Amino acid sequence: MKILIIEDEARIARRIERMTNDFFEGNAGITIVDSLKKGVDFLEKETINILLLDLNLNGRDGFEVLGSMTSRSFQTIVVSANTENALRAFELGVLDFVPKPFDRERLSLALGRAVTVKKEENNSIRYLSVRKSGSIKLIELDQLVYIQGAGIYSEIHLLDGARELHDKGLDTLEKILPLGFERIHKSYIVNIIQVDRILVSSGSRYHLQLKNGAVLPIGRSRYRGFRELFEKRVD
């Protein structure tokens, strides 16, 4: 597990480091930097699993780069006293917002979310951010039809027929997307409101047909749970 802490107060950075190291029982490689620039430079060269980010660093606003960071393959946890910005951070797809002052239990809860694939009820996120031609594009979730795995990346399929490549894989996106975006197969996440009907074929093969006509497979182990969700929504 590789972790980057971006925090300009040395005392707080060391406290986060100590608690994080304890959570992972010493099995984490932790790097601390004290500025956004150093953090961005580090991320251009290194691959990490979790980013712990303060939003006010030497007077610079963490939102300057937060959009680009949440489009990357790691999970972002904000650790900040600026609680008035929590909703804005969640809208950009951060996994959790830990308010300062924090204790070991609260930080451990956030770290636990980062290492589990359990979907939680999180309806705050409104956008997915994707890196495109050196800039960041924000995509509203209600424009998503489905997401297809593409190796370590994901391909986002939109209502207008466009496709966008996201740096996060399906397992990572599954953690931050709200209820209503359901994993139906090892290679697909679907926006349930875009589903038209479920198709059952011989040999216990299951598919769903979307409102745009596309047909996607449903994994056998996921069929029953998804059918129940879909029938509840139809009702």
Protein backbone atom coordinates (compact mmCIF):
# COMPACT_ATOMS: atom_id res chain seq x y z
CA MET A 1 0.00 0.00 0.00
CA LYS A 2 1.52 3.32 -1.11
CA ILE A 3 0.20 6.48 0.50
CA LEU A 4 0.87 10.18 -0.07
CA ILE A 5 0.13 12.80 2.59
CA ILE A 6 -0.08 16.43 1.43
CA GLU A 7 -0.08 18.53 4.61
CA ASP A 8 1.87 21.72 5.35
CA GLU A 9 1.71 21.51 9.17
CA ALA A 10 4.51 19.15 10.19
CA ARG A 11 2.91 18.17 13.51
CA ILE A 12 -0.36 17.18 11.86
CA ALA A 13 1.43 15.42 9.01
CA ARG A 14 3.39 13.28 11.49
CA ARG A 15 0.18 12.48 13.39
CA ILE A 16 -1.56 11.36 10.20
CA GLU A 17 1.51 9.33 9.28
CA ARG A 18 1.62 7.62 12.68
CA MET A 19 -2.09 6.74 12.70
CA THR A 20 -1.98 5.55 9.09
CA ASN A 21 1.06 3.42 9.75
CA ASP A 22 -0.68 1.87 12.76
CA PHE A 23 -3.81 1.15 10.70
CA PHE A 24 -1.79 -0.75 8.11
CA GLU A 25 0.34 -2.38 10.83
CA GLY A 26 3.54 -0.98 9.35
CA ASN A 27 2.84 -2.42 5.88
CA ALA A 28 2.49 0.87 4.05
CA GLY A 29 4.94 3.07 2.21
CA ILE A 30 4.10 6.62 3.30
CA THR A 31 5.43 9.83 1.73
CA ILE A 32 4.80 13.32 3.15
CA VAL A 33 5.02 16.55 1.16
CA ASP A 34 4.16 20.05 2.39
CA SER A 35 2.82 21.75 -0.74
CA LEU A 36 0.46 21.19 -3.62
CA LYS A 37 3.25 21.64 -6.14
CA LYS A 38 5.38 18.97 -4.50
CA GLY A 39 2.36 16.69 -4.35
CA VAL A 40 1.52 17.14 -8.02
CA ASP A 41 5.17 16.63 -9.00
CA PHE A 42 5.29 13.42 -6.93
CA LEU A 43 2.10 12.07 -8.51
CA GLU A 44 3.46 12.67 -12.00
CA LYS A 45 6.29 10.26 -11.24
CA GLU A 46 4.87 7.79 -8.72
CA THR A 47 1.85 5.50 -8.43
CA ILE A 48 -0.05 5.50 -5.13
CA ASN A 49 -3.14 3.85 -3.63
CA ILE A 50 -4.38 6.54 -1.25
CA LEU A 51 -3.98 10.33 -1.09
CA LEU A 52 -4.57 12.17 2.20
CA LEU A 53 -5.02 15.82 1.27
CA ASP A 54 -5.38 19.07 3.19
CA LEU A 55 -7.31 21.79 1.34
CA ASN A 56 -5.43 24.84 2.67
CA LEU A 57 -1.71 24.54 1.99
CA ASN A 58 0.41 27.63 2.52
CA GLY A 59 -2.52 29.74 1.41
CA ARG A 60 -3.20 27.70 -1.75
CA ASP A 61 -6.63 26.18 -2.30
CA GLY A 62 -6.58 22.40 -2.64
CA PHE A 63 -9.54 22.65 -5.01
CA GLU A 64 -7.10 23.96 -7.63
CA VAL A 65 -5.97 20.39 -8.17
CA LEU A 66 -8.64 18.31 -6.44
CA GLY A 67 -10.54 17.70 -9.68
CA SER A 68 -7.48 16.30 -11.39
CA MET A 69 -6.60 14.16 -8.40
CA THR A 70 -10.02 12.51 -8.15
CA SER A 71 -9.74 11.52 -11.80
CA ARG A 72 -6.64 9.49 -11.00
CA SER A 73 -6.49 5.81 -10.11
CA PHE A 74 -6.01 6.30 -6.34
CA GLN A 75 -8.61 7.13 -3.69
CA THR A 76 -8.59 10.65 -2.22
CA ILE A 77 -9.39 11.37 1.43
CA VAL A 78 -9.56 15.04 2.41
CA VAL A 79 -8.32 15.90 5.91
CA SER A 80 -9.25 19.51 6.53
CA ALA A 81 -10.71 22.03 8.98
CA ASN A 82 -12.62 23.66 6.11
CA THR A 83 -15.78 21.63 6.73
CA GLU A 84 -17.87 24.11 4.76
CA ASN A 85 -16.20 22.64 1.66
CA ALA A 86 -17.11 19.03 2.42
CA LEU A 87 -20.08 18.89 0.04
CA ARG A 88 -18.06 20.47 -2.75
CA ALA A 89 -15.31 17.89 -2.22
CA PHE A 90 -17.78 14.99 -2.31
CA GLU A 91 -19.29 16.37 -5.51
CA LEU A 92 -15.87 15.98 -7.11
CA GLY A 93 -15.63 12.34 -6.07
CA VAL A 94 -13.42 12.24 -2.98
CA LEU A 95 -13.92 9.06 -0.97
CA ASP A 96 -14.18 10.71 2.45
CA PHE A 97 -13.82 14.05 4.25
CA VAL A 98 -12.16 13.86 7.68
CA PRO A 99 -12.68 17.11 9.60
CA LYS A 100 -9.92 18.54 11.78
CA PRO A 101 -9.44 18.03 14.65
CA PHE A 102 -9.70 14.27 14.12
CA ASP A 103 -9.04 11.19 16.20
CA ARG A 104 -7.67 7.75 15.41
CA GLU A 105 -11.15 6.22 15.07
CA ARG A 106 -12.32 8.74 12.47
CA LEU A 107 -9.18 8.46 10.34
CA SER A 108 -9.29 4.66 10.57
CA LEU A 109 -12.88 4.71 9.33
CA ALA A 110 -11.80 6.65 6.24
CA LEU A 111 -8.85 4.36 5.59
CA GLY A 112 -11.10 1.35 6.01
CA ARG A 113 -13.41 2.68 3.31
CA ALA A 114 -10.42 3.00 1.00
CA VAL A 115 -9.52 -0.68 1.24
CA THR A 116 -13.00 -2.21 0.99
CA VAL A 117 -15.28 -2.47 -2.04
CA LYS A 118 -18.48 -2.20 0.02
CA LYS A 119 -20.87 0.26 -1.59
CA GLU A 120 -22.24 2.84 0.82
CA GLU A 121 -25.11 5.27 0.54
CA ASN A 122 -23.33 8.32 -0.84
CA ASN A 123 -25.58 10.58 -2.85
CA SER A 124 -23.35 13.67 -2.62
CA ILE A 125 -21.15 12.94 -5.62
CA ARG A 126 -22.41 14.73 -8.73
CA TYR A 127 -19.48 14.46 -11.11
CA LEU A 128 -16.75 12.18 -12.36
CA SER A 129 -13.65 14.01 -13.50
CA VAL A 130 -11.61 12.75 -16.43
CA ARG A 131 -8.26 13.95 -17.71
CA LYS A 132 -8.41 14.92 -21.35
CA SER A 133 -5.79 16.65 -23.50
CA GLY A 134 -4.00 18.06 -20.49
CA SER A 135 -7.18 19.44 -18.88
CA ILE A 136 -9.92 18.16 -16.56
CA LYS A 137 -13.46 17.53 -17.77
CA LEU A 138 -16.29 17.15 -15.25
CA ILE A 139 -19.04 14.72 -16.29
CA GLU A 140 -22.41 14.85 -14.53
CA LEU A 141 -23.48 11.45 -13.24
CA ASP A 142 -26.93 11.69 -14.78
CA GLN A 143 -25.24 11.66 -18.20
CA LEU A 144 -23.71 8.22 -17.55
CA VAL A 145 -25.33 5.15 -19.10
CA TYR A 146 -22.79 2.52 -18.12
CA ILE A 147 -19.09 2.05 -17.40
CA GLN A 148 -17.01 -0.70 -18.94
CA GLY A 149 -13.74 -2.02 -17.59
CA ALA A 150 -10.75 -1.36 -19.83
CA GLY A 151 -7.79 -3.03 -18.15
CA ILE A 152 -6.65 -0.80 -15.28
CA TYR A 153 -8.87 1.98 -16.66
CA SER A 154 -12.61 2.38 -17.28
CA GLU A 155 -14.54 3.53 -20.33
CA ILE A 156 -17.50 5.78 -19.55
CA HIS A 157 -20.44 5.59 -21.97
CA LEU A 158 -22.64 8.71 -22.05
CA LEU A 159 -26.20 9.49 -23.09
CA ASP A 160 -25.06 11.37 -26.18
CA GLY A 161 -23.09 8.34 -27.38
CA ALA A 162 -19.70 9.78 -26.42
CA ARG A 163 -17.08 7.74 -24.58
CA GLU A 164 -14.52 8.96 -22.07
CA LEU A 165 -11.56 7.05 -20.59
CA HIS A 166 -11.19 7.28 -16.81
CA ASP A 167 -7.96 6.60 -14.93
CA LYS A 168 -9.79 4.72 -12.17
CA GLY A 169 -10.65 1.03 -12.57
CA LEU A 170 -14.11 -0.41 -11.92
CA ASP A 171 -13.27 -1.59 -8.41
CA THR A 172 -12.24 1.94 -7.44
CA LEU A 173 -15.20 3.67 -9.10
CA GLU A 174 -17.60 1.23 -7.47
CA LYS A 175 -16.59 2.59 -4.06
CA ILE A 176 -17.40 6.22 -4.80
CA LEU A 177 -20.42 5.99 -7.09
CA PRO A 178 -23.78 6.38 -5.30
CA LEU A 179 -26.51 3.78 -5.04
CA GLY A 180 -28.19 3.39 -8.41
CA PHE A 181 -24.89 2.65 -10.12
CA GLU A 182 -24.73 -1.10 -9.83
CA ARG A 183 -21.99 -3.60 -10.61
CA ILE A 184 -23.67 -6.20 -12.84
CA HIS A 185 -20.57 -8.00 -14.10
CA LYS A 186 -16.83 -8.04 -13.49
CA SER A 187 -16.54 -5.71 -16.51
CA TYR A 188 -19.61 -3.46 -16.16
CA ILE A 189 -21.26 -0.91 -13.88
CA VAL A 190 -24.67 0.33 -15.03
CA ASN A 191 -26.84 3.34 -14.22
CA ILE A 192 -29.98 1.49 -13.20
CA ILE A 193 -32.35 4.21 -14.44
CA GLN A 194 -31.03 3.56 -17.96
CA VAL A 195 -32.08 -0.12 -17.85
CA ASP A 196 -35.10 -1.06 -19.97
CA ARG A 197 -35.45 -4.78 -19.18
CA ILE A 198 -33.69 -7.95 -18.11
CA LEU A 199 -33.23 -10.76 -20.62
CA VAL A 200 -32.95 -14.45 -19.66
CA SER A 201 -31.56 -16.92 -22.19
CA SER A 202 -31.14 -20.69 -22.19
CA GLY A 203 -28.23 -22.06 -20.23
CA SER A 204 -28.78 -19.59 -17.36
CA ARG A 205 -27.38 -16.68 -19.30
CA TYR A 206 -28.51 -13.23 -18.22
CA HIS A 207 -28.37 -9.86 -19.95
CA LEU A 208 -29.95 -6.48 -19.62
CA GLN A 209 -31.13 -4.19 -22.38
CA LEU A 210 -30.59 -0.49 -21.91
CA LYS A 211 -32.96 2.23 -23.09
CA ASN A 212 -30.48 3.10 -25.85
CA GLY A 213 -30.69 -0.47 -27.17
CA ALA A 214 -27.31 -1.69 -25.91
CA VAL A 215 -27.23 -5.17 -24.35
CA LEU A 216 -24.85 -5.96 -21.48
CA PRO A 217 -24.13 -9.25 -19.68
CA ILE A 218 -25.12 -9.85 -16.07
CA GLY A 219 -22.83 -12.09 -14.05
CA ARG A 220 -24.56 -15.18 -12.70
CA SER A 221 -23.56 -14.40 -9.13
CA ARG A 222 -24.97 -10.87 -9.45
CA TYR A 223 -28.22 -11.69 -11.27
CA ARG A 224 -30.54 -12.26 -8.31
CA GLY A 225 -29.46 -9.18 -6.38
CA PHE A 226 -29.67 -6.94 -9.44
CA ARG A 227 -33.08 -8.31 -10.43
CA GLU A 228 -34.43 -7.46 -6.97
CA LEU A 229 -33.09 -3.91 -7.20
CA PHE A 230 -34.49 -3.47 -10.69
CA GLU A 231 -37.94 -4.78 -9.75
CA LYS A 232 -38.10 -2.44 -6.76
CA ARG A 233 -37.30 0.51 -9.00
CA VAL A 234 -39.94 -0.55 -11.54
CA ASP A 235 -42.53 -0.87 -8.77
